[in-house]
């Protein structure tokens, strides 16, 4: 019994030495991990301190961990605010709109894109559609504000030019337009990027299935 325990202990030590030896032998590969580890620490673990700040009276310039502890004071203030219900309603409605409208559209777009036979046009449309994903939300908000501005905004100018309205519409001053603007901006920004995974799934479908559908007399819409 003792012999088996000694052998097991020896095997464990040997495995540990082997792992450590491999790490030393591959030191150059371990160095390549450092940037990734730092990014994870910086953007995933350091922000967790913000949870603690929610229970503190944090002031700019305070050393982390030394702010006065106030418990649930900030949360009580938030829940008691007269606009909390409105903010919660907007959050839930916008999330529902993104789920039921913003989610199916990339699938539909991917199917339509897959049906395009002219490859140069197909690649151009795909590239143009996912480029907005790399634009920051700050730039997107500025762009939408400029387009919908009452002072020379392109959308208002166009609507007045075709005679739809006589006066500029205050898209950002009237609350009834907020949901639509938020939804449309999110769709424009993420449509192409979200469609990439669906395009990959569609292109992986075997051509034999399409040929079998042709033999069975399936229409183009049925194959889609």
Foldseek 3Di string as FASTA:
>chain_A
DVVVVVVVVVVVVVVVVVVVVVCVVVVVVVVVCVVVVVVCCVPPPVCVLVVVVCQFPDDPPDDRPPGHGRGCVNVVVLVPDPCNVVVVVLVVVLVVCCVVPVVCLLLVVLVVLVPDPPVVVSVVVLVQQAVLLPPDVVVLVVLVCQLQPQPPRVVQVVCVVVPVDVGRDPCPVDPVNVSVVVNVSVSSRCSSVSNPVSNVVVVPDDVVVVVVCVVVVHDPVRVD
